[in-house]
PDB file of N, CA and C in Angstrom:
ATOM      1  N   MET A   1      -5.061 -11.101 -11.177  1.00  0.00           N
ATOM      2  CA  MET A   1      -3.901 -10.295 -11.514  1.00  0.00           C
ATOM      3  C   MET A   1      -2.697 -11.220 -11.619  1.00  0.00           C
ATOM      4  N   SER A   2      -1.840 -10.933 -12.556  1.00  0.00           N
ATOM      5  CA  SER A   2      -0.713 -11.825 -12.789  1.00  0.00           C
ATOM      6  C   SER A   2       0.297 -11.773 -11.650  1.00  0.00           C
ATOM      7  N   GLU A   3       1.064 -12.830 -11.544  1.00  0.00           N
ATOM      8  CA  GLU A   3       2.092 -12.896 -10.506  1.00  0.00           C
ATOM      9  C   GLU A   3       3.124 -11.798 -10.698  1.00  0.00           C
ATOM     10  N   GLN A   4       3.418 -11.459 -11.956  1.00  0.00           N
ATOM     11  CA  GLN A   4       4.389 -10.408 -12.244  1.00  0.00           C
ATOM     12  C   GLN A   4       3.907  -9.057 -11.694  1.00  0.00           C
ATOM     13  N   ILE A   5       2.638  -8.749 -11.871  1.00  0.00           N
ATOM     14  CA  ILE A   5       2.103  -7.488 -11.359  1.00  0.00           C
ATOM     15  C   ILE A   5       2.070  -7.510  -9.836  1.00  0.00           C
ATOM     16  N   SER A   6       1.709  -8.633  -9.253  1.00  0.00           N
ATOM     17  CA  SER A   6       1.729  -8.755  -7.793  1.00  0.00           C
ATOM     18  C   SER A   6       3.137  -8.517  -7.253  1.00  0.00           C
ATOM     19  N   ASP A   7       4.138  -9.034  -7.955  1.00  0.00           N
ATOM     20  CA  ASP A   7       5.527  -8.809  -7.552  1.00  0.00           C
ATOM     21  C   ASP A   7       5.888  -7.326  -7.635  1.00  0.00           C
ATOM     22  N   LYS A   8       5.418  -6.645  -8.674  1.00  0.00           N
ATOM     23  CA  LYS A   8       5.687  -5.209  -8.813  1.00  0.00           C
ATOM     24  C   LYS A   8       5.037  -4.419  -7.678  1.00  0.00           C
ATOM     25  N   ILE A   9       3.827  -4.819  -7.307  1.00  0.00           N
ATOM     26  CA  ILE A   9       3.143  -4.159  -6.193  1.00  0.00           C
ATOM     27  C   ILE A   9       3.932  -4.374  -4.907  1.00  0.00           C
ATOM     28  N   GLN A  10       4.372  -5.598  -4.673  1.00  0.00           N
ATOM     29  CA  GLN A  10       5.146  -5.903  -3.471  1.00  0.00           C
ATOM     30  C   GLN A  10       6.450  -5.111  -3.461  1.00  0.00           C
ATOM     31  N   ASP A  11       7.119  -5.007  -4.599  1.00  0.00           N
ATOM     32  CA  ASP A  11       8.360  -4.226  -4.691  1.00  0.00           C
ATOM     33  C   ASP A  11       8.110  -2.762  -4.357  1.00  0.00           C
ATOM     34  N   CYS A  12       7.021  -2.213  -4.858  1.00  0.00           N
ATOM     35  CA  CYS A  12       6.678  -0.820  -4.598  1.00  0.00           C
ATOM     36  C   CYS A  12       6.407  -0.606  -3.107  1.00  0.00           C
ATOM     37  N   ILE A  13       5.686  -1.519  -2.498  1.00  0.00           N
ATOM     38  CA  ILE A  13       5.407  -1.414  -1.067  1.00  0.00           C
ATOM     39  C   ILE A  13       6.705  -1.497  -0.268  1.00  0.00           C
ATOM     40  N   GLN A  14       7.647  -2.323  -0.711  1.00  0.00           N
ATOM     41  CA  GLN A  14       8.942  -2.406  -0.037  1.00  0.00           C
ATOM     42  C   GLN A  14       9.688  -1.070  -0.105  1.00  0.00           C
ATOM     43  N   GLN A  15       9.506  -0.333  -1.186  1.00  0.00           N
ATOM     44  CA  GLN A  15      10.137   0.986  -1.328  1.00  0.00           C
ATOM     45  C   GLN A  15       9.478   2.018  -0.410  1.00  0.00           C
ATOM     46  N   ILE A  16       8.180   1.876  -0.179  1.00  0.00           N
ATOM     47  CA  ILE A  16       7.433   2.804   0.668  1.00  0.00           C
ATOM     48  C   ILE A  16       7.679   2.524   2.150  1.00  0.00           C
ATOM     49  N   ARG A  17       7.893   1.270   2.469  1.00  0.00           N
ATOM     50  CA  ARG A  17       8.011   0.811   3.861  1.00  0.00           C
ATOM     51  C   ARG A  17       8.987   1.629   4.720  1.00  0.00           C
ATOM     52  N   PRO A  18      10.209   1.944   4.257  1.00  0.00           N
ATOM     53  CA  PRO A  18      11.130   2.694   5.122  1.00  0.00           C
ATOM     54  C   PRO A  18      10.584   4.063   5.563  1.00  0.00           C
ATOM     55  N   MET A  19       9.828   4.723   4.699  1.00  0.00           N
ATOM     56  CA  MET A  19       9.226   6.011   5.063  1.00  0.00           C
ATOM     57  C   MET A  19       8.265   5.827   6.243  1.00  0.00           C
ATOM     58  N   LEU A  20       7.448   4.785   6.182  1.00  0.00           N
ATOM     59  CA  LEU A  20       6.501   4.536   7.265  1.00  0.00           C
ATOM     60  C   LEU A  20       7.218   4.084   8.536  1.00  0.00           C
ATOM     61  N   GLN A  21       8.243   3.264   8.381  1.00  0.00           N
ATOM     62  CA  GLN A  21       8.985   2.773   9.536  1.00  0.00           C
ATOM     63  C   GLN A  21       9.713   3.902  10.260  1.00  0.00           C
ATOM     64  N   SER A  22      10.125   4.916   9.514  1.00  0.00           N
ATOM     65  CA  SER A  22      10.818   6.044  10.146  1.00  0.00           C
ATOM     66  C   SER A  22       9.893   6.821  11.076  1.00  0.00           C
ATOM     67  N   ASP A  23       8.578   6.682  10.885  1.00  0.00           N
ATOM     68  CA  ASP A  23       7.595   7.312  11.759  1.00  0.00           C
ATOM     69  C   ASP A  23       7.003   6.323  12.760  1.00  0.00           C
ATOM     70  N   GLY A  24       7.587   5.143  12.870  1.00  0.00           N
ATOM     71  CA  GLY A  24       7.129   4.155  13.835  1.00  0.00           C
ATOM     72  C   GLY A  24       6.006   3.259  13.342  1.00  0.00           C
ATOM     73  N   GLY A  25       5.749   3.283  12.028  1.00  0.00           N
ATOM     74  CA  GLY A  25       4.679   2.462  11.475  1.00  0.00           C
ATOM     75  C   GLY A  25       5.204   1.430  10.504  1.00  0.00           C
ATOM     76  N   ASP A  26       4.290   0.795   9.796  1.00  0.00           N
ATOM     77  CA  ASP A  26       4.656  -0.190   8.784  1.00  0.00           C
ATOM     78  C   ASP A  26       3.414  -0.477   7.937  1.00  0.00           C
ATOM     79  N   ILE A  27       3.623  -1.198   6.857  1.00  0.00           N
ATOM     80  CA  ILE A  27       2.534  -1.557   5.956  1.00  0.00           C
ATOM     81  C   ILE A  27       2.736  -2.984   5.482  1.00  0.00           C
ATOM     82  N   GLU A  28       1.647  -3.719   5.364  1.00  0.00           N
ATOM     83  CA  GLU A  28       1.690  -5.114   4.919  1.00  0.00           C
ATOM     84  C   GLU A  28       0.717  -5.289   3.760  1.00  0.00           C
ATOM     85  N   LEU A  29       1.172  -5.912   2.677  1.00  0.00           N
ATOM     86  CA  LEU A  29       0.294  -6.252   1.571  1.00  0.00           C
ATOM     87  C   LEU A  29      -0.538  -7.453   1.980  1.00  0.00           C
ATOM     88  N   VAL A  30      -1.869  -7.314   1.934  1.00  0.00           N
ATOM     89  CA  VAL A  30      -2.775  -8.388   2.331  1.00  0.00           C
ATOM     90  C   VAL A  30      -3.270  -9.147   1.105  1.00  0.00           C
ATOM     91  N   GLU A  31      -3.708  -8.390   0.081  1.00  0.00           N
ATOM     92  CA  GLU A  31      -4.324  -9.048  -1.079  1.00  0.00           C
ATOM     93  C   GLU A  31      -4.382  -8.081  -2.256  1.00  0.00           C
ATOM     94  N   VAL A  32      -4.297  -8.640  -3.446  1.00  0.00           N
ATOM     95  CA  VAL A  32      -4.601  -7.908  -4.667  1.00  0.00           C
ATOM     96  C   VAL A  32      -5.857  -8.567  -5.224  1.00  0.00           C
ATOM     97  N   THR A  33      -6.943  -7.802  -5.335  1.00  0.00           N
ATOM     98  CA  THR A  33      -8.225  -8.365  -5.739  1.00  0.00           C
ATOM     99  C   THR A  33      -8.311  -8.540  -7.251  1.00  0.00           C
ATOM    100  N   GLU A  34      -9.368  -9.199  -7.690  1.00  0.00           N
ATOM    101  CA  GLU A  34      -9.602  -9.395  -9.120  1.00  0.00           C
ATOM    102  C   GLU A  34      -9.816  -8.059  -9.842  1.00  0.00           C
ATOM    103  N   ASN A  35     -10.279  -7.052  -9.109  1.00  0.00           N
ATOM    104  CA  ASN A  35     -10.502  -5.718  -9.675  1.00  0.00           C
ATOM    105  C   ASN A  35      -9.244  -4.857  -9.630  1.00  0.00           C
ATOM    106  N   ASN A  36      -8.121  -5.460  -9.267  1.00  0.00           N
ATOM    107  CA  ASN A  36      -6.827  -4.775  -9.158  1.00  0.00           C
ATOM    108  C   ASN A  36      -6.761  -3.784  -8.004  1.00  0.00           C
ATOM    109  N   ASP A  37      -7.655  -3.915  -7.030  1.00  0.00           N
ATOM    110  CA  ASP A  37      -7.541  -3.121  -5.813  1.00  0.00           C
ATOM    111  C   ASP A  37      -6.498  -3.783  -4.926  1.00  0.00           C
ATOM    112  N   VAL A  38      -5.828  -2.965  -4.142  1.00  0.00           N
ATOM    113  CA  VAL A  38      -4.749  -3.448  -3.286  1.00  0.00           C
ATOM    114  C   VAL A  38      -5.171  -3.277  -1.834  1.00  0.00           C
ATOM    115  N   LYS A  39      -5.287  -4.386  -1.124  1.00  0.00           N
ATOM    116  CA  LYS A  39      -5.648  -4.352   0.289  1.00  0.00           C
ATOM    117  C   LYS A  39      -4.371  -4.397   1.114  1.00  0.00           C
ATOM    118  N   VAL A  40      -4.261  -3.437   2.033  1.00  0.00           N
ATOM    119  CA  VAL A  40      -3.079  -3.354   2.886  1.00  0.00           C
ATOM    120  C   VAL A  40      -3.499  -3.228   4.342  1.00  0.00           C
ATOM    121  N   ARG A  41      -2.582  -3.572   5.217  1.00  0.00           N
ATOM    122  CA  ARG A  41      -2.798  -3.431   6.655  1.00  0.00           C
ATOM    123  C   ARG A  41      -1.724  -2.499   7.192  1.00  0.00           C
ATOM    124  N   LEU A  42      -2.158  -1.396   7.803  1.00  0.00           N
ATOM    125  CA  LEU A  42      -1.215  -0.490   8.448  1.00  0.00           C
ATOM    126  C   LEU A  42      -0.915  -1.021   9.838  1.00  0.00           C
ATOM    127  N   GLN A  43       0.330  -0.841  10.264  1.00  0.00           N
ATOM    128  CA  GLN A  43       0.755  -1.376  11.547  1.00  0.00           C
ATOM    129  C   GLN A  43       1.502  -0.313  12.334  1.00  0.00           C
ATOM    130  N   GLY A  44       1.694  -0.586  13.618  1.00  0.00           N
ATOM    131  CA  GLY A  44       2.456   0.315  14.469  1.00  0.00           C
ATOM    132  C   GLY A  44       1.784   1.670  14.600  1.00  0.00           C
ATOM    133  N   ALA A  45       2.584   2.737  14.560  1.00  0.00           N
ATOM    134  CA  ALA A  45       2.070   4.092  14.740  1.00  0.00           C
ATOM    135  C   ALA A  45       1.106   4.492  13.636  1.00  0.00           C
ATOM    136  N   CYS A  46       1.184   3.854  12.473  1.00  0.00           N
ATOM    137  CA  CYS A  46       0.284   4.194  11.355  1.00  0.00           C
ATOM    138  C   CYS A  46      -1.134   3.720  11.604  1.00  0.00           C
ATOM    139  N   ARG A  47      -1.262   2.671  12.374  1.00  0.00           N
ATOM    140  CA  ARG A  47      -2.593   2.116  12.635  1.00  0.00           C
ATOM    141  C   ARG A  47      -3.376   3.065  13.530  1.00  0.00           C
ATOM    142  N   GLY A  48      -4.473   3.562  13.018  1.00  0.00           N
ATOM    143  CA  GLY A  48      -5.306   4.479  13.783  1.00  0.00           C
ATOM    144  C   GLY A  48      -4.819   5.921  13.767  1.00  0.00           C
ATOM    145  N   CYS A  49      -3.751   6.212  13.076  1.00  0.00           N
ATOM    146  CA  CYS A  49      -3.223   7.570  12.991  1.00  0.00           C
ATOM    147  C   CYS A  49      -4.203   8.442  12.208  1.00  0.00           C
ATOM    148  N   PRO A  50      -4.449   9.678  12.661  1.00  0.00           N
ATOM    149  CA  PRO A  50      -5.362  10.561  11.940  1.00  0.00           C
ATOM    150  C   PRO A  50      -4.924  10.823  10.488  1.00  0.00           C
ATOM    151  N   GLY A  51      -3.647  10.769  10.211  1.00  0.00           N
ATOM    152  CA  GLY A  51      -3.142  11.018   8.859  1.00  0.00           C
ATOM    153  C   GLY A  51      -3.042   9.771   7.999  1.00  0.00           C
ATOM    154  N   ALA A  52      -3.483   8.634   8.519  1.00  0.00           N
ATOM    155  CA  ALA A  52      -3.321   7.363   7.795  1.00  0.00           C
ATOM    156  C   ALA A  52      -4.063   7.355   6.470  1.00  0.00           C
ATOM    157  N   ARG A  53      -5.255   7.913   6.431  1.00  0.00           N
ATOM    158  CA  ARG A  53      -6.031   7.923   5.177  1.00  0.00           C
ATOM    159  C   ARG A  53      -5.304   8.736   4.110  1.00  0.00           C
ATOM    160  N   MET A  54      -4.754   9.862   4.505  1.00  0.00           N
ATOM    161  CA  MET A  54      -4.020  10.685   3.547  1.00  0.00           C
ATOM    162  C   MET A  54      -2.746   9.960   3.102  1.00  0.00           C
ATOM    163  N   THR A  55      -2.083   9.290   4.032  1.00  0.00           N
ATOM    164  CA  THR A  55      -0.886   8.522   3.680  1.00  0.00           C
ATOM    165  C   THR A  55      -1.231   7.463   2.638  1.00  0.00           C
ATOM    166  N   LEU A  56      -2.353   6.776   2.827  1.00  0.00           N
ATOM    167  CA  LEU A  56      -2.755   5.730   1.884  1.00  0.00           C
ATOM    168  C   LEU A  56      -3.100   6.309   0.519  1.00  0.00           C
ATOM    169  N   LYS A  57      -3.891   7.371   0.486  1.00  0.00           N
ATOM    170  CA  LYS A  57      -4.360   7.919  -0.790  1.00  0.00           C
ATOM    171  C   LYS A  57      -3.275   8.728  -1.497  1.00  0.00           C
ATOM    172  N   MET A  58      -2.628   9.632  -0.797  1.00  0.00           N
ATOM    173  CA  MET A  58      -1.674  10.541  -1.426  1.00  0.00           C
ATOM    174  C   MET A  58      -0.269   9.944  -1.518  1.00  0.00           C
ATOM    175  N   GLY A  59       0.020   8.964  -0.706  1.00  0.00           N
ATOM    176  CA  GLY A  59       1.335   8.348  -0.730  1.00  0.00           C
ATOM    177  C   GLY A  59       1.337   6.989  -1.396  1.00  0.00           C
ATOM    178  N   VAL A  60       0.765   6.011  -0.728  1.00  0.00           N
ATOM    179  CA  VAL A  60       0.813   4.627  -1.183  1.00  0.00           C
ATOM    180  C   VAL A  60       0.064   4.448  -2.507  1.00  0.00           C
ATOM    181  N   GLU A  61      -1.206   4.886  -2.560  1.00  0.00           N
ATOM    182  CA  GLU A  61      -2.001   4.678  -3.769  1.00  0.00           C
ATOM    183  C   GLU A  61      -1.401   5.416  -4.971  1.00  0.00           C
ATOM    184  N   ARG A  62      -1.014   6.655  -4.764  1.00  0.00           N
ATOM    185  CA  ARG A  62      -0.447   7.435  -5.863  1.00  0.00           C
ATOM    186  C   ARG A  62       0.818   6.774  -6.411  1.00  0.00           C
ATOM    187  N   ARG A  63       1.666   6.333  -5.514  1.00  0.00           N
ATOM    188  CA  ARG A  63       2.923   5.707  -5.946  1.00  0.00           C
ATOM    189  C   ARG A  63       2.672   4.379  -6.657  1.00  0.00           C
ATOM    190  N   LEU A  64       1.771   3.582  -6.140  1.00  0.00           N
ATOM    191  CA  LEU A  64       1.438   2.312  -6.799  1.00  0.00           C
ATOM    192  C   LEU A  64       0.903   2.544  -8.203  1.00  0.00           C
ATOM    193  N   LYS A  65      -0.004   3.517  -8.348  1.00  0.00           N
ATOM    194  CA  LYS A  65      -0.583   3.797  -9.664  1.00  0.00           C
ATOM    195  C   LYS A  65       0.473   4.305 -10.644  1.00  0.00           C
ATOM    196  N   GLU A  66       1.458   5.052 -10.143  1.00  0.00           N
ATOM    197  CA  GLU A  66       2.543   5.541 -10.995  1.00  0.00           C
ATOM    198  C   GLU A  66       3.440   4.397 -11.470  1.00  0.00           C
ATOM    199  N   GLN A  67       3.724   3.456 -10.579  1.00  0.00           N
ATOM    200  CA  GLN A  67       4.701   2.411 -10.870  1.00  0.00           C
ATOM    201  C   GLN A  67       4.099   1.122 -11.416  1.00  0.00           C
ATOM    202  N   VAL A  68       2.817   0.889 -11.169  1.00  0.00           N
ATOM    203  CA  VAL A  68       2.186  -0.362 -11.594  1.00  0.00           C
ATOM    204  C   VAL A  68       0.879  -0.035 -12.311  1.00  0.00           C
ATOM    205  N   PRO A  69       0.917   0.094 -13.639  1.00  0.00           N
ATOM    206  CA  PRO A  69      -0.295   0.407 -14.390  1.00  0.00           C
ATOM    207  C   PRO A  69      -1.404  -0.617 -14.130  1.00  0.00           C
ATOM    208  N   GLY A  70      -2.626  -0.123 -13.987  1.00  0.00           N
ATOM    209  CA  GLY A  70      -3.764  -1.005 -13.786  1.00  0.00           C
ATOM    210  C   GLY A  70      -4.206  -1.144 -12.348  1.00  0.00           C
ATOM    211  N   VAL A  71      -3.431  -0.616 -11.406  1.00  0.00           N
ATOM    212  CA  VAL A  71      -3.811  -0.705  -9.996  1.00  0.00           C
ATOM    213  C   VAL A  71      -5.045   0.150  -9.767  1.00  0.00           C
ATOM    214  N   GLY A  72      -6.009  -0.406  -9.027  1.00  0.00           N
ATOM    215  CA  GLY A  72      -7.222   0.331  -8.669  1.00  0.00           C
ATOM    216  C   GLY A  72      -6.950   1.194  -7.458  1.00  0.00           C
ATOM    217  N   GLU A  73      -7.761   0.997  -6.427  1.00  0.00           N
ATOM    218  CA  GLU A  73      -7.552   1.784  -5.220  1.00  0.00           C
ATOM    219  C   GLU A  73      -6.867   0.973  -4.134  1.00  0.00           C
ATOM    220  N   VAL A  74      -6.327   1.683  -3.150  1.00  0.00           N
ATOM    221  CA  VAL A  74      -5.718   1.039  -1.997  1.00  0.00           C
ATOM    222  C   VAL A  74      -6.751   1.042  -0.883  1.00  0.00           C
ATOM    223  N   ILE A  75      -7.003  -0.131  -0.328  1.00  0.00           N
ATOM    224  CA  ILE A  75      -8.045  -0.301   0.690  1.00  0.00           C
ATOM    225  C   ILE A  75      -7.411  -0.796   1.981  1.00  0.00           C
ATOM    226  N   PRO A  76      -7.583  -0.049   3.075  1.00  0.00           N
ATOM    227  CA  PRO A  76      -7.053  -0.506   4.361  1.00  0.00           C
ATOM    228  C   PRO A  76      -7.935  -1.599   4.951  1.00  0.00           C
ATOM    229  N   VAL A  77      -7.330  -2.601   5.549  1.00  0.00           N
ATOM    230  CA  VAL A  77      -8.054  -3.664   6.246  1.00  0.00           C
ATOM    231  C   VAL A  77      -7.470  -3.811   7.636  1.00  0.00           C
ATOM    232  N   GLU A  78      -8.266  -4.362   8.539  1.00  0.00           N
ATOM    233  CA  GLU A  78      -7.808  -4.599   9.911  1.00  0.00           C
ATOM    234  C   GLU A  78      -7.119  -5.924  10.031  1.00  0.00           C
TER     235      GLU A  78
END
Protein backbone atom coordinates (compact mmCIF):
# COMPACT_ATOMS: atom_id res chain seq x y z
CA MET A 1 0.00 0.00 0.00
CA SER A 2 1.32 3.42 -0.85
CA GLU A 3 2.68 5.78 1.76
CA GLN A 4 -0.04 8.28 0.84
CA ILE A 5 -2.80 5.78 1.66
CA SER A 6 -1.05 4.79 4.89
CA ASP A 7 -0.98 8.47 5.83
CA LYS A 8 -4.73 8.75 5.12
CA ILE A 9 -5.39 5.73 7.33
CA GLN A 10 -3.29 7.25 10.12
CA ASP A 11 -5.14 10.57 9.77
CA CYS A 12 -8.49 8.79 10.00
CA ILE A 13 -7.41 6.91 13.12
CA GLN A 14 -6.31 10.22 14.65
CA GLN A 15 -9.85 11.52 14.08
CA ILE A 16 -11.36 8.44 15.76
CA ARG A 17 -8.94 8.48 18.70
CA PRO A 18 -10.66 11.24 20.77
CA MET A 19 -13.93 9.28 20.80
CA LEU A 20 -12.15 6.24 22.23
CA GLN A 21 -10.11 8.31 24.67
CA SER A 22 -13.27 9.89 26.05
CA ASP A 23 -14.28 6.39 27.18
CA GLY A 24 -10.87 5.65 28.69
CA GLY A 25 -9.50 3.73 25.70
CA ASP A 26 -7.25 4.30 22.72
CA ILE A 27 -6.27 2.79 19.39
CA GLU A 28 -2.89 2.27 17.74
CA LEU A 29 -2.22 1.55 14.07
CA VAL A 30 0.02 -1.53 13.94
CA GLU A 31 0.22 -2.40 10.24
CA VAL A 32 -1.41 -2.04 6.85
CA THR A 33 -1.08 -5.38 5.06
CA GLU A 34 -0.52 -6.07 1.37
CA ASN A 35 -4.23 -6.97 1.16
CA ASN A 36 -5.12 -3.49 2.48
CA ASP A 37 -6.29 -4.87 5.83
CA VAL A 38 -5.63 -2.59 8.77
CA LYS A 39 -4.24 -4.10 11.95
CA VAL A 40 -4.88 -2.10 15.10
CA ARG A 41 -4.28 -2.52 18.81
CA LEU A 42 -6.96 -1.39 21.25
CA GLN A 43 -5.66 -0.01 24.51
CA GLY A 44 -6.94 1.06 27.91
CA ALA A 45 -10.64 0.51 28.61
CA CYS A 46 -11.20 -0.62 24.99
CA ARG A 47 -8.95 -3.61 25.41
CA GLY A 48 -11.11 -6.57 26.34
CA CYS A 49 -14.30 -4.47 26.38
CA PRO A 50 -17.39 -6.48 25.35
CA GLY A 51 -18.28 -3.74 22.84
CA ALA A 52 -14.81 -3.60 21.28
CA ARG A 53 -15.71 -5.79 18.29
CA MET A 54 -18.69 -3.60 17.46
CA THR A 55 -16.55 -0.48 17.89
CA LEU A 56 -14.02 -1.89 15.41
CA LYS A 57 -16.55 -3.04 12.80
CA MET A 58 -19.25 -0.37 13.05
CA GLY A 59 -17.00 2.53 13.99
CA VAL A 60 -13.38 2.22 12.95
CA GLU A 61 -13.77 -0.06 9.91
CA ARG A 62 -16.80 1.76 8.54
CA ARG A 63 -15.12 5.14 8.86
CA LEU A 64 -11.87 3.95 7.30
CA LYS A 65 -13.72 2.45 4.33
CA GLU A 66 -15.65 5.71 3.86
CA GLN A 67 -12.55 7.91 3.96
CA VAL A 68 -9.89 5.67 2.41
CA PRO A 69 -11.02 3.73 -0.67
CA GLY A 70 -9.52 0.25 -0.93
CA VAL A 71 -9.29 -0.51 2.79
CA GLY A 72 -10.11 -4.14 3.58
CA GLU A 73 -11.06 -5.15 7.06
CA VAL A 74 -9.89 -3.92 10.44
CA ILE A 75 -8.18 -6.67 12.44
CA PRO A 76 -7.47 -6.37 16.17
CA VAL A 77 -4.07 -7.60 17.39
CA GLU A 78 -2.64 -8.01 20.87
